[in-house]
Amino acid sequence: METEATDGGGWKARVGSIFPGPSLLFCIYQFLINFKPSEPHVAPYLVSVKGFTNQQVNHDIFPYLTYTYFLATALSTPAVQLLGYKRVILLGTFCRLFTRLLLLYGNTLWEMQIMQVAYGIASATDLNVVFGAYMFFMIEQKHFQRVVSFAHAAKFLSELVSAEGGQILLHLGMSLTSLMYISLVAVSIGTGLAFFLPDAKSDPGEEIDPQKGEEIALSPMGMVQWGHVKWNSIRQLYQNFPLLKLSIIWVFASNVYYFIDNYGTILFQARGPDTDMNGHVGAVMCLVASFTSLLATYLEAPALKLGFIFYAIMQAIFTFNVLVAVIFPVLWSSWSCFVIGMSGWNLVLCILYAQCGHCVQNHMYNFLFGINTTCALAFTSLFQLIVQLIGNPVEFGFQALAMYSGLMTLICVYLALSHFLEYGSFTFERTHANVDYPAMQALMTSEEDEEENLNEVEIMSLQRHPYDPR
């Protein structure tokens, strides 16, 4: 009996050493909500099963996802502040479930449009926004890189298994509707699991004195004061110049990732309309992206030592990758561009998220992810709009992307040199934002006496440790 107890304790210790804190639960949750064998076949399903035309699918249904995702991402930061991390994640999970139900039982155009709106809201609570900030809020900083890498690997592994499994089932004669039901079951289990996600103690939505919080939040003056405090917090956050430089890379270099994600498969179709390998190329991308997610844990130390030179090197690789696809307008170069671009930038994102997280103090990860991702989406939308207005968004778009990626390489080199001149080394130091909240309070109370009580509550809440009991 003693041996069994010892073995059990050793087994738990080994699992805990690999998956710190609740990270194993985070990975299982990510695997379940992304296990959708029907996802690569949504457009054919809407046409062949639901009876919509290609014109309706491309122009009347899918655009709602883009608009909603951007708006929901912009609103995710205040939503977490008002409701708390877990409630917002639960809302996103239920939106995922609602999306699957509408795909199965909705038949009208407006129902499909609502389906895309629901999916856009759900996407804003994913790893790149709310859930990423939630993970940082819940774990120690020394585990940031490992947890981010594991969660991204779980996501891509789920997409790989579900996509290839769905393709096999289709070849065996299963219908698209049956794949939709399998996706519904997986997302339903993920929805149930979401209730077991640990509460973010001292949730930002609960950081107000319960005796005064309601009247402050509901009064117009209270909302203005609350917004003023948050604006000062954000301003102080980005006065940490290493974080500001990393955020510049996050915002502007993300355009390469988003553009390839949006137009990569369209480029396949334009250069090889008769090939049936595109789905398998997507599976290869997911496999390589899972590997690069885990690889990020081993490259964390070299990336810190190289500093911004690391991002310049990676951006140069992306530039060469896109140039090959432009110079050689054949199918294999398109596949290479998609796989290397998506999986390589996923490696950069995993490292970038962790490095940015180490620069944040007072658990303001919600602001970091919400603001940076919103700005990245806004810039990407502007870039794609300009490309569409000037020329063909596919062939010309990738030519413009190659030039843009080359420019981002030069910007990364400039950031590296400026960092060297300022700190005497390329090495990136994990400096924290020096947010002087007492000074902020004194400043604001001198502006308006009515704000004194709110500022005291806000400052005390920002200094509270996330593992304190409610």
Protein backbone atom coordinates (compact mmCIF):
# COMPACT_ATOMS: atom_id res chain seq x y z
CA MET A 1 0.00 0.00 0.00
CA GLU A 2 2.82 2.40 0.86
CA THR A 3 4.50 1.61 -2.44
CA GLU A 4 1.33 2.34 -4.35
CA ALA A 5 0.91 5.63 -2.53
CA THR A 6 4.49 6.57 -3.26
CA ASP A 7 4.12 5.63 -6.91
CA GLY A 8 0.94 7.65 -7.16
CA GLY A 9 2.59 10.67 -5.59
CA GLY A 10 5.56 10.29 -7.94
CA TRP A 11 3.28 10.07 -10.94
CA LYS A 12 1.43 13.22 -9.90
CA ALA A 13 4.71 14.99 -9.28
CA ARG A 14 5.97 14.07 -12.75
CA VAL A 15 2.78 15.29 -14.39
CA GLY A 16 2.93 18.48 -12.32
CA SER A 17 6.52 19.09 -13.39
CA ILE A 18 5.53 18.81 -17.06
CA PHE A 19 2.21 20.65 -16.82
CA PRO A 20 2.55 23.34 -14.14
CA GLY A 21 -0.62 24.41 -12.34
CA PRO A 22 -3.83 24.01 -14.33
CA SER A 23 -2.03 23.91 -17.70
CA LEU A 24 -3.02 20.29 -18.43
CA LEU A 25 -6.68 21.30 -18.12
CA PHE A 26 -6.01 24.26 -20.43
CA CYS A 27 -4.54 21.92 -23.06
CA ILE A 28 -7.43 19.44 -22.87
CA TYR A 29 -9.91 22.30 -23.19
CA GLN A 30 -8.08 23.69 -26.25
CA PHE A 31 -7.99 20.25 -27.83
CA LEU A 32 -11.75 19.71 -27.41
CA ILE A 33 -13.01 23.09 -28.61
CA ASN A 34 -10.78 22.90 -31.69
CA PHE A 35 -11.69 19.30 -32.55
CA LYS A 36 -13.96 20.02 -35.54
CA PRO A 37 -13.60 17.54 -38.43
CA SER A 38 -16.28 19.51 -40.27
CA GLU A 39 -14.33 22.80 -40.22
CA PRO A 40 -12.46 22.40 -43.56
CA HIS A 41 -15.77 21.57 -45.23
CA VAL A 42 -18.01 24.39 -43.97
CA ALA A 43 -18.24 26.13 -47.36
CA PRO A 44 -19.14 22.93 -49.31
CA TYR A 45 -21.61 22.04 -46.53
CA LEU A 46 -23.38 25.39 -46.84
CA VAL A 47 -23.63 24.97 -50.62
CA SER A 48 -24.43 21.28 -51.04
CA VAL A 49 -26.45 20.62 -47.87
CA LYS A 50 -27.99 23.97 -46.95
CA GLY A 51 -28.55 25.10 -50.53
CA PHE A 52 -26.79 28.48 -50.51
CA THR A 53 -24.92 29.75 -53.55
CA ASN A 54 -21.18 30.41 -53.60
CA GLN A 55 -22.00 34.11 -53.95
CA GLN A 56 -24.09 34.05 -50.78
CA VAL A 57 -21.47 32.09 -48.85
CA ASN A 58 -18.56 34.36 -49.83
CA HIS A 59 -20.32 37.73 -49.75
CA ASP A 60 -23.38 37.42 -47.47
CA ILE A 61 -22.24 34.93 -44.79
CA PHE A 62 -18.47 34.72 -44.26
CA PRO A 63 -17.80 38.51 -44.02
CA TYR A 64 -19.84 38.64 -40.81
CA LEU A 65 -17.11 36.61 -39.10
CA THR A 66 -14.42 39.17 -39.99
CA TYR A 67 -16.40 42.16 -38.76
CA THR A 68 -17.57 40.46 -35.58
CA TYR A 69 -14.15 39.07 -34.70
CA PHE A 70 -12.59 42.53 -34.90
CA LEU A 71 -15.38 44.20 -32.89
CA ALA A 72 -15.49 41.41 -30.26
CA THR A 73 -11.70 41.53 -29.87
CA ALA A 74 -11.85 45.30 -29.31
CA LEU A 75 -14.57 44.81 -26.68
CA SER A 76 -12.90 41.84 -24.98
CA THR A 77 -10.80 44.00 -22.66
CA PRO A 78 -13.71 45.93 -21.07
CA ALA A 79 -15.78 42.72 -21.06
CA VAL A 80 -13.17 40.93 -18.94
CA GLN A 81 -12.90 43.96 -16.67
CA LEU A 82 -16.66 43.96 -16.07
CA LEU A 83 -17.41 40.22 -16.08
CA GLY A 84 -14.13 38.49 -15.27
CA TYR A 85 -12.06 36.02 -17.28
CA LYS A 86 -14.04 32.87 -16.65
CA ARG A 87 -17.45 34.37 -17.49
CA VAL A 88 -16.13 35.75 -20.78
CA ILE A 89 -14.53 32.39 -21.64
CA LEU A 90 -17.81 30.63 -20.83
CA LEU A 91 -19.64 33.10 -23.06
CA GLY A 92 -17.24 32.31 -25.90
CA THR A 93 -17.60 28.58 -25.34
CA PHE A 94 -21.39 28.80 -25.47
CA CYS A 95 -21.07 30.84 -28.67
CA ARG A 96 -19.04 27.97 -30.14
CA LEU A 97 -21.81 25.56 -29.17
CA PHE A 98 -24.45 27.88 -30.60
CA THR A 99 -22.44 28.02 -33.85
CA ARG A 100 -22.54 24.22 -34.20
CA LEU A 101 -26.28 24.11 -33.48
CA LEU A 102 -27.04 26.77 -36.09
CA LEU A 103 -24.94 24.97 -38.68
CA LEU A 104 -26.99 21.84 -38.10
CA TYR A 105 -30.49 23.22 -37.61
CA GLY A 106 -30.42 26.67 -39.23
CA ASN A 107 -31.59 26.96 -42.83
CA THR A 108 -32.11 30.65 -43.61
CA LEU A 109 -29.58 33.26 -44.62
CA TRP A 110 -30.04 35.32 -41.46
CA GLU A 111 -29.48 32.24 -39.29
CA MET A 112 -26.16 31.59 -41.03
CA GLN A 113 -25.21 35.24 -40.53
CA ILE A 114 -25.98 34.93 -36.81
CA MET A 115 -23.90 31.74 -36.83
CA GLN A 116 -20.89 33.72 -38.10
CA VAL A 117 -21.49 36.44 -35.52
CA ALA A 118 -21.48 33.81 -32.76
CA TYR A 119 -18.28 32.29 -34.12
CA GLY A 120 -16.65 35.73 -34.26
CA ILE A 121 -17.43 36.27 -30.57
CA ALA A 122 -16.08 32.82 -29.75
CA SER A 123 -12.87 33.51 -31.69
CA ALA A 124 -12.25 36.64 -29.60
CA THR A 125 -12.04 34.45 -26.48
CA ASP A 126 -9.44 32.10 -27.99
CA LEU A 127 -5.70 31.71 -27.31
CA ASN A 128 -4.69 34.89 -29.13
CA VAL A 129 -6.90 37.10 -26.96
CA VAL A 130 -8.85 36.34 -23.78
CA PHE A 131 -7.72 32.77 -23.09
CA GLY A 132 -4.07 33.70 -23.58
CA ALA A 133 -4.40 36.51 -21.03
CA TYR A 134 -6.32 34.17 -18.69
CA MET A 135 -3.51 31.58 -18.76
CA PHE A 136 -0.94 34.22 -17.85
CA PHE A 137 -3.19 35.46 -15.06
CA MET A 138 -3.44 31.97 -13.57
CA ILE A 139 0.18 30.74 -13.68
CA GLU A 140 3.57 31.87 -12.45
CA GLN A 141 5.69 33.89 -14.86
CA LYS A 142 8.48 31.33 -14.93
CA HIS A 143 6.05 28.90 -16.63
CA PHE A 144 4.73 31.32 -19.28
CA GLN A 145 6.70 29.89 -22.21
CA ARG A 146 5.94 26.26 -21.45
CA VAL A 147 2.20 26.78 -20.95
CA VAL A 148 1.81 28.95 -24.07
CA SER A 149 3.69 26.39 -26.16
CA PHE A 150 1.70 23.43 -24.80
CA ALA A 151 -1.65 25.15 -25.35
CA HIS A 152 -0.81 26.08 -28.96
CA ALA A 153 0.51 22.58 -29.62
CA ALA A 154 -2.75 21.10 -28.28
CA LYS A 155 -4.77 23.38 -30.54
CA PHE A 156 -2.87 22.50 -33.72
CA LEU A 157 -2.75 18.81 -32.84
CA SER A 158 -6.53 18.85 -32.46
CA GLU A 159 -6.95 20.55 -35.82
CA LEU A 160 -4.59 17.99 -37.40
CA VAL A 161 -6.35 14.92 -35.98
CA SER A 162 -9.85 16.24 -36.65
CA ALA A 163 -9.12 17.43 -40.20
CA GLU A 164 -7.39 14.23 -41.31
CA GLY A 165 -9.93 12.09 -39.45
CA GLY A 166 -12.76 13.95 -41.14
CA GLN A 167 -11.14 13.47 -44.55
CA ILE A 168 -10.82 9.72 -43.94
CA LEU A 169 -14.44 9.47 -42.80
CA LEU A 170 -15.60 11.28 -45.95
CA HIS A 171 -13.66 8.82 -48.11
CA LEU A 172 -15.36 6.00 -46.22
CA GLY A 173 -18.76 7.41 -47.15
CA MET A 174 -19.74 9.50 -44.13
CA SER A 175 -21.82 12.59 -44.90
CA LEU A 176 -20.90 16.20 -44.18
CA THR A 177 -23.82 16.39 -41.76
CA SER A 178 -22.38 13.51 -39.74
CA LEU A 179 -19.09 15.40 -39.45
CA MET A 180 -21.07 18.34 -38.12
CA TYR A 181 -22.54 16.13 -35.39
CA ILE A 182 -19.06 14.89 -34.40
CA SER A 183 -17.93 18.52 -34.10
CA LEU A 184 -21.00 19.28 -31.99
CA VAL A 185 -20.19 16.43 -29.58
CA ALA A 186 -16.55 17.55 -29.13
CA VAL A 187 -17.50 21.20 -28.59
CA SER A 188 -20.26 20.14 -26.16
CA ILE A 189 -17.72 18.22 -24.05
CA GLY A 190 -15.43 21.25 -24.19
CA THR A 191 -18.31 23.44 -23.02
CA GLY A 192 -18.86 21.17 -20.04
CA LEU A 193 -15.15 21.20 -19.25
CA ALA A 194 -15.12 25.01 -19.29
CA PHE A 195 -17.11 25.02 -16.05
CA PHE A 196 -14.18 23.25 -14.37
CA LEU A 197 -11.64 25.85 -15.44
CA PRO A 198 -10.26 27.46 -12.28
CA ASP A 199 -11.68 30.83 -11.30
CA ALA A 200 -9.32 33.74 -11.66
CA LYS A 201 -9.12 34.75 -8.02
CA SER A 202 -9.49 38.48 -7.63
CA ASP A 203 -11.00 38.50 -11.11
CA PRO A 204 -10.68 41.94 -12.73
CA GLY A 205 -14.45 41.98 -12.89
CA GLU A 206 -14.57 41.46 -9.13
CA GLU A 207 -11.85 43.87 -8.04
CA ILE A 208 -14.32 46.50 -6.83
CA ASP A 209 -15.41 46.89 -3.26
CA PRO A 210 -18.73 45.02 -3.18
CA GLN A 211 -20.21 47.71 -0.93
CA LYS A 212 -19.36 50.53 -3.35
CA GLY A 213 -18.75 48.80 -6.65
CA GLU A 214 -22.29 48.74 -8.03
CA GLU A 215 -23.09 52.41 -7.49
CA ILE A 216 -19.69 53.41 -8.91
CA ALA A 217 -20.01 51.20 -11.97
CA LEU A 218 -23.61 52.18 -12.72
CA SER A 219 -23.22 55.95 -12.33
CA PRO A 220 -22.08 57.97 -15.38
CA MET A 221 -19.44 59.76 -13.32
CA GLY A 222 -18.23 56.43 -11.96
CA MET A 223 -17.78 55.01 -15.47
CA VAL A 224 -15.84 58.11 -16.54
CA GLN A 225 -13.60 57.83 -13.50
CA TRP A 226 -13.12 54.09 -14.09
CA GLY A 227 -12.15 54.75 -17.70
CA HIS A 228 -9.73 57.48 -16.60
CA VAL A 229 -7.99 55.09 -14.20
CA LYS A 230 -7.73 52.42 -16.88
CA TRP A 231 -6.36 54.89 -19.43
CA ASN A 232 -3.59 55.88 -17.01
CA SER A 233 -2.87 52.20 -16.39
CA ILE A 234 -2.54 51.53 -20.14
CA ARG A 235 -0.36 54.59 -20.63
CA GLN A 236 1.97 53.47 -17.85
CA LEU A 237 2.00 49.91 -19.20
CA TYR A 238 3.35 50.92 -22.61
CA GLN A 239 5.92 53.28 -21.14
CA ASN A 240 7.97 50.13 -20.67
CA PHE A 241 9.98 50.54 -23.89
CA PRO A 242 11.02 46.88 -24.37
CA LEU A 243 7.32 45.97 -24.16
CA LEU A 244 6.42 48.76 -26.57
CA LYS A 245 8.99 47.50 -29.10
CA LEU A 246 7.78 43.92 -28.75
CA SER A 247 4.21 45.15 -29.23
CA ILE A 248 5.24 46.87 -32.47
CA ILE A 249 6.45 43.50 -33.76
CA TRP A 250 3.25 41.85 -32.48
CA VAL A 251 0.99 44.36 -34.24
CA PHE A 252 2.73 44.94 -37.57
CA ALA A 253 4.47 41.63 -38.21
CA SER A 254 1.24 39.73 -37.49
CA ASN A 255 0.05 40.95 -40.88
CA VAL A 256 2.20 38.27 -42.55
CA TYR A 257 0.50 35.54 -40.52
CA TYR A 258 -3.05 36.82 -41.00
CA PHE A 259 -2.63 37.43 -44.74
CA ILE A 260 -1.24 33.95 -45.42
CA ASP A 261 -3.98 32.46 -43.25
CA ASN A 262 -6.71 34.31 -45.18
CA TYR A 263 -5.36 33.96 -48.73
CA GLY A 264 -3.09 30.89 -48.62
CA THR A 265 -5.78 28.36 -49.53
CA ILE A 266 -7.20 30.77 -52.14
CA LEU A 267 -3.73 30.84 -53.72
CA PHE A 268 -3.82 27.01 -53.83
CA GLN A 269 -7.14 27.13 -55.67
CA ALA A 270 -5.91 29.75 -58.14
CA ARG A 271 -2.72 27.86 -59.06
CA GLY A 272 -4.05 24.31 -58.87
CA PRO A 273 -7.85 24.19 -59.15
CA ASP A 274 -7.85 20.45 -59.90
CA THR A 275 -5.62 19.25 -57.05
CA ASP A 276 -7.04 17.33 -54.13
CA MET A 277 -3.96 17.77 -51.92
CA ASN A 278 -4.91 21.09 -50.31
CA GLY A 279 -6.50 19.45 -47.28
CA HIS A 280 -3.41 17.36 -46.67
CA VAL A 281 -1.23 20.49 -46.94
CA GLY A 282 -3.32 22.01 -44.16
CA ALA A 283 -2.74 18.90 -42.08
CA VAL A 284 1.02 19.11 -42.64
CA MET A 285 0.90 22.74 -41.54
CA CYS A 286 -0.88 21.75 -38.29
CA LEU A 287 1.70 19.01 -37.67
CA VAL A 288 4.64 21.36 -38.20
CA ALA A 289 2.93 24.10 -36.15
CA SER A 290 2.50 21.65 -33.25
CA PHE A 291 6.21 20.91 -33.46
CA THR A 292 7.21 24.60 -33.62
CA SER A 293 4.95 25.34 -30.61
CA LEU A 294 6.95 22.84 -28.54
CA LEU A 295 10.21 24.00 -30.11
CA ALA A 296 9.56 27.47 -28.67
CA THR A 297 10.26 26.13 -25.16
CA TYR A 298 13.82 25.25 -26.26
CA LEU A 299 14.37 28.48 -28.19
CA GLU A 300 13.26 30.74 -25.33
CA ALA A 301 16.79 31.20 -23.97
CA PRO A 302 18.45 31.84 -27.38
CA ALA A 303 15.63 34.26 -28.27
CA LEU A 304 16.23 36.20 -25.05
CA LYS A 305 19.97 36.35 -25.74
CA LEU A 306 19.56 37.46 -29.35
CA GLY A 307 16.82 39.93 -28.45
CA PHE A 308 15.30 41.73 -31.41
CA ILE A 309 17.89 40.15 -33.73
CA PHE A 310 15.90 36.92 -33.33
CA TYR A 311 12.79 38.58 -34.76
CA ALA A 312 14.81 40.15 -37.57
CA ILE A 313 16.15 36.70 -38.55
CA MET A 314 12.67 35.14 -38.47
CA GLN A 315 11.20 38.02 -40.46
CA ALA A 316 13.96 37.61 -43.07
CA ILE A 317 13.04 33.92 -43.37
CA PHE A 318 9.38 34.86 -43.90
CA THR A 319 10.41 37.40 -46.56
CA PHE A 320 12.42 34.80 -48.46
CA ASN A 321 9.56 32.34 -48.12
CA VAL A 322 7.01 34.72 -49.66
CA LEU A 323 9.48 35.78 -52.37
CA VAL A 324 9.85 32.14 -53.48
CA ALA A 325 6.06 31.88 -53.81
CA VAL A 326 6.03 35.09 -55.90
CA ILE A 327 9.01 34.26 -58.16
CA PHE A 328 7.88 30.68 -58.79
CA PRO A 329 4.10 30.83 -59.39
CA VAL A 330 3.58 27.09 -59.07
CA LEU A 331 1.66 24.95 -56.63
CA TRP A 332 4.60 23.61 -54.60
CA SER A 333 5.82 27.15 -53.80
CA SER A 334 2.31 28.05 -52.60
CA TRP A 335 2.23 25.03 -50.30
CA SER A 336 5.71 25.87 -48.97
CA CYS A 337 4.70 29.48 -48.35
CA PHE A 338 1.62 28.37 -46.40
CA VAL A 339 3.31 25.73 -44.25
CA ILE A 340 6.47 27.73 -43.44
CA GLY A 341 4.60 31.01 -43.01
CA MET A 342 1.91 29.69 -40.66
CA SER A 343 4.03 27.32 -38.58
CA GLY A 344 7.03 29.64 -38.45
CA TRP A 345 5.01 32.61 -37.32
CA ASN A 346 3.33 30.40 -34.72
CA LEU A 347 6.81 29.78 -33.29
CA VAL A 348 7.40 33.53 -33.16
CA LEU A 349 4.03 34.16 -31.53
CA CYS A 350 4.64 31.61 -28.78
CA ILE A 351 7.93 33.28 -27.87
CA LEU A 352 6.57 36.79 -28.34
CA TYR A 353 3.58 36.20 -26.04
CA ALA A 354 5.82 34.90 -23.26
CA GLN A 355 8.33 37.74 -23.59
CA CYS A 356 5.56 40.36 -23.55
CA GLY A 357 3.98 38.65 -20.55
CA HIS A 358 7.23 38.98 -18.59
CA CYS A 359 7.14 42.75 -19.15
CA VAL A 360 3.70 43.14 -17.55
CA GLN A 361 3.11 43.98 -13.93
CA ASN A 362 -0.09 44.00 -11.85
CA HIS A 363 -1.63 41.24 -14.00
CA MET A 364 -2.63 43.57 -16.86
CA TYR A 365 -2.44 40.73 -19.39
CA ASN A 366 -6.01 41.39 -20.51
CA PHE A 367 -4.99 44.85 -21.71
CA LEU A 368 -1.86 43.49 -23.39
CA PHE A 369 -3.63 40.80 -25.43
CA GLY A 370 -6.76 42.83 -26.15
CA ILE A 371 -5.03 46.02 -27.31
CA ASN A 372 -2.23 44.38 -29.30
CA THR A 373 -4.50 41.90 -31.09
CA THR A 374 -7.10 44.58 -31.88
CA CYS A 375 -4.43 46.83 -33.38
CA ALA A 376 -2.99 43.88 -35.35
CA LEU A 377 -6.42 43.03 -36.79
CA ALA A 378 -7.10 46.68 -37.65
CA PHE A 379 -3.79 47.05 -39.48
CA THR A 380 -4.23 43.73 -41.31
CA SER A 381 -7.72 44.76 -42.45
CA LEU A 382 -6.33 48.06 -43.74
CA PHE A 383 -3.52 46.27 -45.59
CA GLN A 384 -5.92 43.82 -47.22
CA LEU A 385 -8.30 46.63 -48.20
CA ILE A 386 -5.48 48.56 -49.88
CA VAL A 387 -4.37 45.41 -51.74
CA GLN A 388 -7.92 44.74 -52.96
CA LEU A 389 -8.31 48.33 -54.17
CA ILE A 390 -5.01 48.29 -56.08
CA GLY A 391 -5.03 44.85 -57.70
CA ASN A 392 -5.70 41.12 -57.47
CA PRO A 393 -5.75 40.25 -53.75
CA VAL A 394 -4.12 36.88 -54.48
CA GLU A 395 -1.15 37.26 -56.84
CA PHE A 396 -0.60 41.00 -56.30
CA GLY A 397 -1.34 40.57 -52.61
CA PHE A 398 1.58 38.19 -52.14
CA GLN A 399 3.88 40.52 -54.09
CA ALA A 400 2.88 43.35 -51.75
CA LEU A 401 3.33 41.02 -48.78
CA ALA A 402 6.91 40.21 -49.85
CA MET A 403 7.79 43.92 -49.96
CA TYR A 404 6.04 44.54 -46.66
CA SER A 405 7.80 41.60 -45.00
CA GLY A 406 11.15 42.93 -46.20
CA LEU A 407 10.31 46.30 -44.67
CA MET A 408 9.43 44.61 -41.36
CA THR A 409 12.84 42.88 -41.43
CA LEU A 410 14.51 46.29 -41.61
CA ILE A 411 12.30 47.58 -38.79
CA CYS A 412 13.30 44.62 -36.60
CA VAL A 413 16.97 45.35 -37.34
CA TYR A 414 16.40 48.99 -36.36
CA LEU A 415 14.72 47.94 -33.10
CA ALA A 416 17.66 45.64 -32.36
CA LEU A 417 20.20 48.41 -32.96
CA SER A 418 18.24 50.92 -30.89
CA HIS A 419 18.03 48.36 -28.07
CA PHE A 420 21.80 47.81 -28.27
CA LEU A 421 22.52 51.54 -28.16
CA GLU A 422 20.17 52.00 -25.20
CA TYR A 423 21.18 48.99 -23.09
CA GLY A 424 24.62 48.09 -24.45
CA SER A 425 23.51 44.57 -25.42
CA PHE A 426 21.18 42.79 -27.81
CA THR A 427 19.99 40.58 -24.94
CA PHE A 428 16.37 41.15 -23.98
CA GLU A 429 16.04 41.73 -20.23
CA ARG A 430 12.78 40.75 -18.57
CA THR A 431 12.07 44.19 -17.20
CA HIS A 432 8.74 44.93 -15.62
CA ALA A 433 6.63 48.00 -16.23
CA ASN A 434 7.24 50.44 -13.41
CA VAL A 435 3.69 51.52 -12.79
CA ASP A 436 3.64 54.00 -9.94
CA TYR A 437 0.07 53.58 -8.81
CA PRO A 438 0.36 55.76 -5.68
CA ALA A 439 1.65 58.60 -7.86
CA MET A 440 -1.19 57.97 -10.29
CA GLN A 441 -3.66 58.19 -7.43
CA ALA A 442 -2.20 61.48 -6.21
CA LEU A 443 -2.36 62.90 -9.72
CA MET A 444 -5.97 61.95 -10.25
CA THR A 445 -7.19 63.05 -6.81
CA SER A 446 -5.59 66.42 -7.40
CA GLU A 447 -7.62 66.73 -10.60
CA GLU A 448 -10.96 65.88 -9.05
CA ASP A 449 -11.81 65.17 -5.41
CA GLU A 450 -14.75 62.93 -6.32
CA GLU A 451 -12.40 60.30 -7.73
CA GLU A 452 -10.55 59.58 -4.48
CA ASN A 453 -12.56 56.58 -3.30
CA LEU A 454 -12.60 54.91 -6.70
CA ASN A 455 -8.86 55.31 -7.20
CA GLU A 456 -8.07 53.77 -3.81
CA VAL A 457 -10.23 50.74 -4.60
CA GLU A 458 -8.76 50.39 -8.10
CA ILE A 459 -5.14 50.64 -6.97
CA MET A 460 -5.61 48.15 -4.12
CA SER A 461 -7.24 45.69 -6.51
CA LEU A 462 -4.46 45.94 -9.06
CA GLN A 463 -1.90 45.05 -6.39
CA ARG A 464 -3.79 42.00 -5.16
CA HIS A 465 -2.26 38.61 -5.91
CA PRO A 466 -4.31 36.41 -8.29
CA TYR A 467 -4.32 33.47 -5.90
CA ASP A 468 -5.84 35.39 -2.98
CA PRO A 469 -9.23 34.00 -1.87
CA ARG A 470 -12.25 36.06 -2.75
